[in-house]
Amino acid sequence: MVSIEKVLVKGYILLESLFALLILSMLTTIILFEVDRSRRQHTELLRQAEVLNVAKMAYDSEINDLQINGVSVKIVKSETTIKIYDNQKEVLKLEFK
């Protein structure tokens, strides 16, 4: 005959194992979400740097519209401002006094 005490001990060990597995899976999920968020943020920062590099190339070569590596930059110059657009979104605005 099986002692009730032995069954309870095995039950507690199983319950503790399930809690440990739950905590491990939650931590893994949190870490993976943060890694994914970090990668997306890094990709966006690289895209912004690429836009600024293309804008600098366009400005240095005095071209108002330049498209390189999938980045399309438009530069609008006036007497007091220089505006840089990426796909009709203003990225940078310089004002002179």
PDB file of N, CA and C in Angstrom:
ATOM      1  N   MET A   1       0.833  -1.174   0.000  1.00  0.00           N
ATOM      2  CA  MET A   1       0.000   0.000   0.000  1.00  0.00           C
ATOM      3  C   MET A   1       0.887   1.250   0.000  1.00  0.00           C
ATOM      4  N   VAL A   2       0.479   2.268  -0.775  1.00  0.00           N
ATOM      5  CA  VAL A   2       1.238   3.507  -0.924  1.00  0.00           C
ATOM      6  C   VAL A   2       0.851   4.453   0.200  1.00  0.00           C
ATOM      7  N   SER A   3       1.869   5.011   0.804  1.00  0.00           N
ATOM      8  CA  SER A   3       1.622   5.954   1.887  1.00  0.00           C
ATOM      9  C   SER A   3       1.138   7.282   1.311  1.00  0.00           C
ATOM     10  N   ILE A   4       0.170   7.897   1.995  1.00  0.00           N
ATOM     11  CA  ILE A   4      -0.371   9.185   1.543  1.00  0.00           C
ATOM     12  C   ILE A   4       0.712  10.249   1.598  1.00  0.00           C
ATOM     13  N   GLU A   5       1.622  10.127   2.558  1.00  0.00           N
ATOM     14  CA  GLU A   5       2.689  11.096   2.707  1.00  0.00           C
ATOM     15  C   GLU A   5       3.594  11.107   1.470  1.00  0.00           C
ATOM     16  N   LYS A   6       3.931   9.945   0.938  1.00  0.00           N
ATOM     17  CA  LYS A   6       4.787   9.856  -0.250  1.00  0.00           C
ATOM     18  C   LYS A   6       4.089  10.461  -1.466  1.00  0.00           C
ATOM     19  N   VAL A   7       2.792  10.249  -1.581  1.00  0.00           N
ATOM     20  CA  VAL A   7       2.033  10.804  -2.698  1.00  0.00           C
ATOM     21  C   VAL A   7       1.993  12.325  -2.596  1.00  0.00           C
ATOM     22  N   LEU A   8       1.814  12.858  -1.376  1.00  0.00           N
ATOM     23  CA  LEU A   8       1.794  14.302  -1.189  1.00  0.00           C
ATOM     24  C   LEU A   8       3.142  14.924  -1.530  1.00  0.00           C
ATOM     25  N   VAL A   9       4.228  14.257  -1.137  1.00  0.00           N
ATOM     26  CA  VAL A   9       5.567  14.773  -1.440  1.00  0.00           C
ATOM     27  C   VAL A   9       5.775  14.804  -2.956  1.00  0.00           C
ATOM     28  N   LYS A  10       5.389  13.756  -3.644  1.00  0.00           N
ATOM     29  CA  LYS A  10       5.520  13.731  -5.103  1.00  0.00           C
ATOM     30  C   LYS A  10       4.648  14.811  -5.742  1.00  0.00           C
ATOM     31  N   GLY A  11       3.465  15.032  -5.169  1.00  0.00           N
ATOM     32  CA  GLY A  11       2.577  16.075  -5.682  1.00  0.00           C
ATOM     33  C   GLY A  11       3.179  17.463  -5.517  1.00  0.00           C
ATOM     34  N   TYR A  12       3.811  17.710  -4.359  1.00  0.00           N
ATOM     35  CA  TYR A  12       4.451  19.008  -4.135  1.00  0.00           C
ATOM     36  C   TYR A  12       5.641  19.206  -5.066  1.00  0.00           C
ATOM     37  N   ILE A  13       6.394  18.149  -5.278  1.00  0.00           N
ATOM     38  CA  ILE A  13       7.540  18.245  -6.202  1.00  0.00           C
ATOM     39  C   ILE A  13       7.044  18.558  -7.611  1.00  0.00           C
ATOM     40  N   LEU A  14       5.973  17.909  -8.028  1.00  0.00           N
ATOM     41  CA  LEU A  14       5.401  18.178  -9.345  1.00  0.00           C
ATOM     42  C   LEU A  14       4.884  19.610  -9.429  1.00  0.00           C
ATOM     43  N   LEU A  15       4.221  20.085  -8.382  1.00  0.00           N
ATOM     44  CA  LEU A  15       3.702  21.449  -8.361  1.00  0.00           C
ATOM     45  C   LEU A  15       4.836  22.470  -8.419  1.00  0.00           C
ATOM     46  N   GLU A  16       5.901  22.241  -7.656  1.00  0.00           N
ATOM     47  CA  GLU A  16       7.058  23.135  -7.691  1.00  0.00           C
ATOM     48  C   GLU A  16       7.706  23.138  -9.072  1.00  0.00           C
ATOM     49  N   SER A  17       7.774  21.990  -9.698  1.00  0.00           N
ATOM     50  CA  SER A  17       8.348  21.907 -11.047  1.00  0.00           C
ATOM     51  C   SER A  17       7.511  22.693 -12.049  1.00  0.00           C
ATOM     52  N   LEU A  18       6.196  22.611 -11.917  1.00  0.00           N
ATOM     53  CA  LEU A  18       5.320  23.363 -12.816  1.00  0.00           C
ATOM     54  C   LEU A  18       5.479  24.863 -12.607  1.00  0.00           C
ATOM     55  N   PHE A  19       5.592  25.305 -11.350  1.00  0.00           N
ATOM     56  CA  PHE A  19       5.811  26.732 -11.085  1.00  0.00           C
ATOM     57  C   PHE A  19       7.154  27.193 -11.644  1.00  0.00           C
ATOM     58  N   ALA A  20       8.183  26.370 -11.481  1.00  0.00           N
ATOM     59  CA  ALA A  20       9.501  26.721 -12.019  1.00  0.00           C
ATOM     60  C   ALA A  20       9.445  26.827 -13.538  1.00  0.00           C
ATOM     61  N   LEU A  21       8.739  25.907 -14.178  1.00  0.00           N
ATOM     62  CA  LEU A  21       8.591  25.950 -15.631  1.00  0.00           C
ATOM     63  C   LEU A  21       7.812  27.186 -16.063  1.00  0.00           C
ATOM     64  N   LEU A  22       6.794  27.552 -15.311  1.00  0.00           N
ATOM     65  CA  LEU A  22       6.006  28.748 -15.606  1.00  0.00           C
ATOM     66  C   LEU A  22       6.873  29.999 -15.517  1.00  0.00           C
ATOM     67  N   ILE A  23       7.658  30.112 -14.450  1.00  0.00           N
ATOM     68  CA  ILE A  23       8.530  31.277 -14.283  1.00  0.00           C
ATOM     69  C   ILE A  23       9.573  31.323 -15.389  1.00  0.00           C
ATOM     70  N   LEU A  24      10.154  30.187 -15.723  1.00  0.00           N
ATOM     71  CA  LEU A  24      11.150  30.137 -16.798  1.00  0.00           C
ATOM     72  C   LEU A  24      10.545  30.552 -18.134  1.00  0.00           C
ATOM     73  N   SER A  25       9.343  30.085 -18.429  1.00  0.00           N
ATOM     74  CA  SER A  25       8.711  30.453 -19.703  1.00  0.00           C
ATOM     75  C   SER A  25       8.347  31.935 -19.728  1.00  0.00           C
ATOM     76  N   MET A  26       7.927  32.501 -18.596  1.00  0.00           N
ATOM     77  CA  MET A  26       7.617  33.930 -18.548  1.00  0.00           C
ATOM     78  C   MET A  26       8.874  34.764 -18.761  1.00  0.00           C
ATOM     79  N   LEU A  27       9.966  34.390 -18.107  1.00  0.00           N
ATOM     80  CA  LEU A  27      11.223  35.122 -18.285  1.00  0.00           C
ATOM     81  C   LEU A  27      11.720  35.031 -19.725  1.00  0.00           C
ATOM     82  N   THR A  28      11.612  33.860 -20.313  1.00  0.00           N
ATOM     83  CA  THR A  28      12.032  33.689 -21.705  1.00  0.00           C
ATOM     84  C   THR A  28      11.199  34.556 -22.635  1.00  0.00           C
ATOM     85  N   THR A  29       9.897  34.608 -22.408  1.00  0.00           N
ATOM     86  CA  THR A  29       9.018  35.436 -23.232  1.00  0.00           C
ATOM     87  C   THR A  29       9.374  36.907 -23.106  1.00  0.00           C
ATOM     88  N   ILE A  30       9.608  37.372 -21.883  1.00  0.00           N
ATOM     89  CA  ILE A  30       9.974  38.777 -21.673  1.00  0.00           C
ATOM     90  C   ILE A  30      11.283  39.103 -22.371  1.00  0.00           C
ATOM     91  N   ILE A  31      12.261  38.232 -22.241  1.00  0.00           N
ATOM     92  CA  ILE A  31      13.567  38.472 -22.875  1.00  0.00           C
ATOM     93  C   ILE A  31      13.431  38.507 -24.393  1.00  0.00           C
ATOM     94  N   LEU A  32      12.667  37.586 -24.959  1.00  0.00           N
ATOM     95  CA  LEU A  32      12.499  37.561 -26.417  1.00  0.00           C
ATOM     96  C   LEU A  32      11.774  38.804 -26.921  1.00  0.00           C
ATOM     97  N   PHE A  33      10.760  39.278 -26.197  1.00  0.00           N
ATOM     98  CA  PHE A  33      10.070  40.503 -26.595  1.00  0.00           C
ATOM     99  C   PHE A  33      11.013  41.697 -26.552  1.00  0.00           C
ATOM    100  N   GLU A  34      11.852  41.772 -25.535  1.00  0.00           N
ATOM    101  CA  GLU A  34      12.794  42.889 -25.427  1.00  0.00           C
ATOM    102  C   GLU A  34      13.857  42.837 -26.520  1.00  0.00           C
ATOM    103  N   VAL A  35      14.318  41.649 -26.859  1.00  0.00           N
ATOM    104  CA  VAL A  35      15.287  41.514 -27.951  1.00  0.00           C
ATOM    105  C   VAL A  35      14.657  41.958 -29.263  1.00  0.00           C
ATOM    106  N   ASP A  36      13.419  41.561 -29.501  1.00  0.00           N
ATOM    107  CA  ASP A  36      12.718  41.963 -30.722  1.00  0.00           C
ATOM    108  C   ASP A  36      12.523  43.473 -30.773  1.00  0.00           C
ATOM    109  N   ARG A  37      12.124  44.078 -29.653  1.00  0.00           N
ATOM    110  CA  ARG A  37      11.934  45.528 -29.590  1.00  0.00           C
ATOM    111  C   ARG A  37      13.251  46.252 -29.829  1.00  0.00           C
ATOM    112  N   SER A  38      14.315  45.730 -29.260  1.00  0.00           N
ATOM    113  CA  SER A  38      15.635  46.339 -29.433  1.00  0.00           C
ATOM    114  C   SER A  38      16.080  46.265 -30.893  1.00  0.00           C
ATOM    115  N   ARG A  39      15.823  45.153 -31.550  1.00  0.00           N
ATOM    116  CA  ARG A  39      16.180  45.015 -32.973  1.00  0.00           C
ATOM    117  C   ARG A  39      15.402  45.993 -33.839  1.00  0.00           C
ATOM    118  N   ARG A  40      14.108  46.133 -33.558  1.00  0.00           N
ATOM    119  CA  ARG A  40      13.307  47.086 -34.337  1.00  0.00           C
ATOM    120  C   ARG A  40      13.793  48.510 -34.128  1.00  0.00           C
ATOM    121  N   GLN A  41      14.132  48.852 -32.897  1.00  0.00           N
ATOM    122  CA  GLN A  41      14.636  50.191 -32.601  1.00  0.00           C
ATOM    123  C   GLN A  41      15.981  50.420 -33.290  1.00  0.00           C
ATOM    124  N   HIS A  42      16.838  49.420 -33.273  1.00  0.00           N
ATOM    125  CA  HIS A  42      18.140  49.536 -33.928  1.00  0.00           C
ATOM    126  C   HIS A  42      17.977  49.700 -35.439  1.00  0.00           C
ATOM    127  N   THR A  43      17.045  48.964 -36.028  1.00  0.00           N
ATOM    128  CA  THR A  43      16.781  49.078 -37.462  1.00  0.00           C
ATOM    129  C   THR A  43      16.298  50.479 -37.814  1.00  0.00           C
ATOM    130  N   GLU A  44      15.430  51.046 -36.986  1.00  0.00           N
ATOM    131  CA  GLU A  44      14.931  52.405 -37.232  1.00  0.00           C
ATOM    132  C   GLU A  44      16.057  53.430 -37.118  1.00  0.00           C
ATOM    133  N   LEU A  45      16.937  53.254 -36.148  1.00  0.00           N
ATOM    134  CA  LEU A  45      18.071  54.172 -36.011  1.00  0.00           C
ATOM    135  C   LEU A  45      19.009  54.084 -37.218  1.00  0.00           C
ATOM    136  N   LEU A  46      19.227  52.875 -37.721  1.00  0.00           N
ATOM    137  CA  LEU A  46      20.053  52.720 -38.922  1.00  0.00           C
ATOM    138  C   LEU A  46      19.400  53.387 -40.127  1.00  0.00           C
ATOM    139  N   ARG A  47      18.080  53.281 -40.236  1.00  0.00           N
ATOM    140  CA  ARG A  47      17.364  53.931 -41.343  1.00  0.00           C
ATOM    141  C   ARG A  47      17.493  55.449 -41.243  1.00  0.00           C
ATOM    142  N   GLN A  48      17.351  55.995 -40.043  1.00  0.00           N
ATOM    143  CA  GLN A  48      17.491  57.438 -39.873  1.00  0.00           C
ATOM    144  C   GLN A  48      18.903  57.900 -40.225  1.00  0.00           C
ATOM    145  N   ALA A  49      19.898  57.121 -39.844  1.00  0.00           N
ATOM    146  CA  ALA A  49      21.278  57.472 -40.187  1.00  0.00           C
ATOM    147  C   ALA A  49      21.476  57.426 -41.699  1.00  0.00           C
ATOM    148  N   GLU A  50      20.865  56.445 -42.357  1.00  0.00           N
ATOM    149  CA  GLU A  50      20.968  56.340 -43.815  1.00  0.00           C
ATOM    150  C   GLU A  50      20.309  57.540 -44.489  1.00  0.00           C
ATOM    151  N   VAL A  51      19.169  57.972 -43.970  1.00  0.00           N
ATOM    152  CA  VAL A  51      18.489  59.149 -44.528  1.00  0.00           C
ATOM    153  C   VAL A  51      19.386  60.375 -44.412  1.00  0.00           C
ATOM    154  N   LEU A  52      20.000  60.565 -43.256  1.00  0.00           N
ATOM    155  CA  LEU A  52      20.880  61.724 -43.074  1.00  0.00           C
ATOM    156  C   LEU A  52      22.123  61.634 -43.956  1.00  0.00           C
ATOM    157  N   ASN A  53      22.650  60.441 -44.153  1.00  0.00           N
ATOM    158  CA  ASN A  53      23.802  60.275 -45.051  1.00  0.00           C
ATOM    159  C   ASN A  53      23.438  60.615 -46.492  1.00  0.00           C
ATOM    160  N   VAL A  54      22.276  60.158 -46.942  1.00  0.00           N
ATOM    161  CA  VAL A  54      21.831  60.466 -48.304  1.00  0.00           C
ATOM    162  C   VAL A  54      21.569  61.964 -48.437  1.00  0.00           C
ATOM    163  N   ALA A  55      21.001  62.573 -47.401  1.00  0.00           N
ATOM    164  CA  ALA A  55      20.755  64.021 -47.437  1.00  0.00           C
ATOM    165  C   ALA A  55      22.071  64.790 -47.529  1.00  0.00           C
ATOM    166  N   LYS A  56      23.076  64.345 -46.811  1.00  0.00           N
ATOM    167  CA  LYS A  56      24.380  65.001 -46.873  1.00  0.00           C
ATOM    168  C   LYS A  56      24.989  64.858 -48.269  1.00  0.00           C
ATOM    169  N   MET A  57      24.859  63.669 -48.858  1.00  0.00           N
ATOM    170  CA  MET A  57      25.365  63.478 -50.222  1.00  0.00           C
ATOM    171  C   MET A  57      24.636  64.392 -51.202  1.00  0.00           C
ATOM    172  N   ALA A  58      23.314  64.489 -51.055  1.00  0.00           N
ATOM    173  CA  ALA A  58      22.532  65.342 -51.954  1.00  0.00           C
ATOM    174  C   ALA A  58      22.919  66.802 -51.779  1.00  0.00           C
ATOM    175  N   TYR A  59      23.101  67.237 -50.554  1.00  0.00           N
ATOM    176  CA  TYR A  59      23.462  68.632 -50.302  1.00  0.00           C
ATOM    177  C   TYR A  59      24.864  68.932 -50.832  1.00  0.00           C
ATOM    178  N   ASP A  60      25.809  68.026 -50.589  1.00  0.00           N
ATOM    179  CA  ASP A  60      27.184  68.242 -51.051  1.00  0.00           C
ATOM    180  C   ASP A  60      27.281  68.286 -52.572  1.00  0.00           C
ATOM    181  N   SER A  61      26.467  67.482 -53.247  1.00  0.00           N
ATOM    182  CA  SER A  61      26.507  67.462 -54.710  1.00  0.00           C
ATOM    183  C   SER A  61      25.475  68.403 -55.331  1.00  0.00           C
ATOM    184  N   GLU A  62      24.793  69.189 -54.496  1.00  0.00           N
ATOM    185  CA  GLU A  62      23.821  70.192 -54.929  1.00  0.00           C
ATOM    186  C   GLU A  62      22.702  69.599 -55.784  1.00  0.00           C
ATOM    187  N   ILE A  63      22.204  68.457 -55.344  1.00  0.00           N
ATOM    188  CA  ILE A  63      21.071  67.792 -55.985  1.00  0.00           C
ATOM    189  C   ILE A  63      19.872  67.931 -55.048  1.00  0.00           C
ATOM    190  N   ASN A  64      18.728  68.344 -55.590  1.00  0.00           N
ATOM    191  CA  ASN A  64      17.550  68.537 -54.745  1.00  0.00           C
ATOM    192  C   ASN A  64      16.799  67.242 -54.464  1.00  0.00           C
ATOM    193  N   ASP A  65      16.801  66.310 -55.393  1.00  0.00           N
ATOM    194  CA  ASP A  65      16.145  65.013 -55.207  1.00  0.00           C
ATOM    195  C   ASP A  65      17.174  63.916 -55.429  1.00  0.00           C
ATOM    196  N   LEU A  66      17.299  63.022 -54.451  1.00  0.00           N
ATOM    197  CA  LEU A  66      18.260  61.929 -54.570  1.00  0.00           C
ATOM    198  C   LEU A  66      17.640  60.668 -53.993  1.00  0.00           C
ATOM    199  N   GLN A  67      17.810  59.574 -54.737  1.00  0.00           N
ATOM    200  CA  GLN A  67      17.291  58.294 -54.284  1.00  0.00           C
ATOM    201  C   GLN A  67      18.404  57.257 -54.395  1.00  0.00           C
ATOM    202  N   ILE A  68      18.821  56.739 -53.236  1.00  0.00           N
ATOM    203  CA  ILE A  68      19.883  55.732 -53.176  1.00  0.00           C
ATOM    204  C   ILE A  68      19.512  54.716 -52.101  1.00  0.00           C
ATOM    205  N   ASN A  69      19.755  53.444 -52.388  1.00  0.00           N
ATOM    206  CA  ASN A  69      19.541  52.363 -51.413  1.00  0.00           C
ATOM    207  C   ASN A  69      18.127  52.353 -50.830  1.00  0.00           C
ATOM    208  N   GLY A  70      17.159  52.677 -51.627  1.00  0.00           N
ATOM    209  CA  GLY A  70      15.780  52.671 -51.159  1.00  0.00           C
ATOM    210  C   GLY A  70      15.396  53.870 -50.316  1.00  0.00           C
ATOM    211  N   VAL A  71      16.290  54.855 -50.227  1.00  0.00           N
ATOM    212  CA  VAL A  71      16.016  56.068 -49.462  1.00  0.00           C
ATOM    213  C   VAL A  71      15.848  57.210 -50.445  1.00  0.00           C
ATOM    214  N   SER A  72      14.717  57.893 -50.369  1.00  0.00           N
ATOM    215  CA  SER A  72      14.436  59.017 -51.249  1.00  0.00           C
ATOM    216  C   SER A  72      14.441  60.296 -50.423  1.00  0.00           C
ATOM    217  N   VAL A  73      15.340  61.215 -50.777  1.00  0.00           N
ATOM    218  CA  VAL A  73      15.504  62.453 -50.022  1.00  0.00           C
ATOM    219  C   VAL A  73      15.245  63.629 -50.944  1.00  0.00           C
ATOM    220  N   LYS A  74      14.519  64.608 -50.426  1.00  0.00           N
ATOM    221  CA  LYS A  74      14.262  65.842 -51.161  1.00  0.00           C
ATOM    222  C   LYS A  74      14.742  67.001 -50.298  1.00  0.00           C
ATOM    223  N   ILE A  75      15.480  67.908 -50.912  1.00  0.00           N
ATOM    224  CA  ILE A  75      15.993  69.076 -50.202  1.00  0.00           C
ATOM    225  C   ILE A  75      15.335  70.316 -50.776  1.00  0.00           C
ATOM    226  N   VAL A  76      14.750  71.122 -49.897  1.00  0.00           N
ATOM    227  CA  VAL A  76      14.110  72.376 -50.291  1.00  0.00           C
ATOM    228  C   VAL A  76      14.906  73.503 -49.644  1.00  0.00           C
ATOM    229  N   LYS A  77      15.464  74.358 -50.506  1.00  0.00           N
ATOM    230  CA  LYS A  77      16.288  75.461 -50.010  1.00  0.00           C
ATOM    231  C   LYS A  77      15.564  76.782 -50.231  1.00  0.00           C
ATOM    232  N   SER A  78      15.697  77.665 -49.268  1.00  0.00           N
ATOM    233  CA  SER A  78      15.246  79.045 -49.420  1.00  0.00           C
ATOM    234  C   SER A  78      16.362  79.930 -48.868  1.00  0.00           C
ATOM    235  N   GLU A  79      16.103  81.224 -48.806  1.00  0.00           N
ATOM    236  CA  GLU A  79      17.144  82.137 -48.331  1.00  0.00           C
ATOM    237  C   GLU A  79      17.463  81.926 -46.854  1.00  0.00           C
ATOM    238  N   THR A  80      16.471  81.548 -46.077  1.00  0.00           N
ATOM    239  CA  THR A  80      16.682  81.436 -44.629  1.00  0.00           C
ATOM    240  C   THR A  80      16.586  80.012 -44.086  1.00  0.00           C
ATOM    241  N   THR A  81      16.130  79.059 -44.893  1.00  0.00           N
ATOM    242  CA  THR A  81      15.966  77.697 -44.376  1.00  0.00           C
ATOM    243  C   THR A  81      16.428  76.653 -45.384  1.00  0.00           C
ATOM    244  N   ILE A  82      16.754  75.514 -44.848  1.00  0.00           N
ATOM    245  CA  ILE A  82      16.967  74.300 -45.637  1.00  0.00           C
ATOM    246  C   ILE A  82      16.132  73.215 -44.970  1.00  0.00           C
ATOM    247  N   LYS A  83      15.243  72.600 -45.760  1.00  0.00           N
ATOM    248  CA  LYS A  83      14.391  71.536 -45.236  1.00  0.00           C
ATOM    249  C   LYS A  83      14.735  70.243 -45.960  1.00  0.00           C
ATOM    250  N   ILE A  84      14.825  69.174 -45.197  1.00  0.00           N
ATOM    251  CA  ILE A  84      15.129  67.859 -45.754  1.00  0.00           C
ATOM    252  C   ILE A  84      13.926  66.957 -45.506  1.00  0.00           C
ATOM    253  N   TYR A  85      13.441  66.343 -46.591  1.00  0.00           N
ATOM    254  CA  TYR A  85      12.267  65.474 -46.527  1.00  0.00           C
ATOM    255  C   TYR A  85      12.653  64.054 -46.912  1.00  0.00           C
ATOM    256  N   ASP A  86      12.049  63.109 -46.216  1.00  0.00           N
ATOM    257  CA  ASP A  86      12.172  61.693 -46.552  1.00  0.00           C
ATOM    258  C   ASP A  86      10.762  61.173 -46.795  1.00  0.00           C
ATOM    259  N   ASN A  87      10.452  60.872 -48.047  1.00  0.00           N
ATOM    260  CA  ASN A  87       9.104  60.422 -48.422  1.00  0.00           C
ATOM    261  C   ASN A  87       8.028  61.375 -47.903  1.00  0.00           C
ATOM    262  N   GLN A  88       8.197  62.639 -48.174  1.00  0.00           N
ATOM    263  CA  GLN A  88       7.261  63.715 -47.835  1.00  0.00           C
ATOM    264  C   GLN A  88       7.126  63.939 -46.330  1.00  0.00           C
ATOM    265  N   LYS A  89       8.034  63.401 -45.552  1.00  0.00           N
ATOM    266  CA  LYS A  89       8.053  63.635 -44.109  1.00  0.00           C
ATOM    267  C   LYS A  89       9.284  64.479 -43.794  1.00  0.00           C
ATOM    268  N   GLU A  90       9.051  65.598 -43.120  1.00  0.00           N
ATOM    269  CA  GLU A  90      10.169  66.490 -42.814  1.00  0.00           C
ATOM    270  C   GLU A  90      11.069  65.842 -41.763  1.00  0.00           C
ATOM    271  N   VAL A  91      12.343  65.699 -42.134  1.00  0.00           N
ATOM    272  CA  VAL A  91      13.302  65.061 -41.247  1.00  0.00           C
ATOM    273  C   VAL A  91      14.132  66.093 -40.502  1.00  0.00           C
ATOM    274  N   LEU A  92      14.524  67.141 -41.216  1.00  0.00           N
ATOM    275  CA  LEU A  92      15.419  68.132 -40.637  1.00  0.00           C
ATOM    276  C   LEU A  92      15.102  69.500 -41.218  1.00  0.00           C
ATOM    277  N   LYS A  93      15.162  70.507 -40.352  1.00  0.00           N
ATOM    278  CA  LYS A  93      14.925  71.876 -40.799  1.00  0.00           C
ATOM    279  C   LYS A  93      16.019  72.753 -40.198  1.00  0.00           C
ATOM    280  N   LEU A  94      16.765  73.428 -41.064  1.00  0.00           N
ATOM    281  CA  LEU A  94      17.827  74.329 -40.628  1.00  0.00           C
ATOM    282  C   LEU A  94      17.415  75.753 -40.951  1.00  0.00           C
ATOM    283  N   GLU A  95      17.513  76.629 -39.958  1.00  0.00           N
ATOM    284  CA  GLU A  95      17.172  78.038 -40.159  1.00  0.00           C
ATOM    285  C   GLU A  95      18.419  78.884 -39.961  1.00  0.00           C
ATOM    286  N   PHE A  96      18.604  79.857 -40.863  1.00  0.00           N
ATOM    287  CA  PHE A  96      19.737  80.772 -40.785  1.00  0.00           C
ATOM    288  C   PHE A  96      19.242  82.136 -40.353  1.00  0.00           C
ATOM    289  N   LYS A  97      20.076  82.835 -39.602  1.00  0.00           N
ATOM    290  CA  LYS A  97      19.705  84.189 -39.169  1.00  0.00           C
ATOM    291  C   LYS A  97      20.603  85.198 -39.819  1.00  0.00           C
TER     292      LYS A  97
END
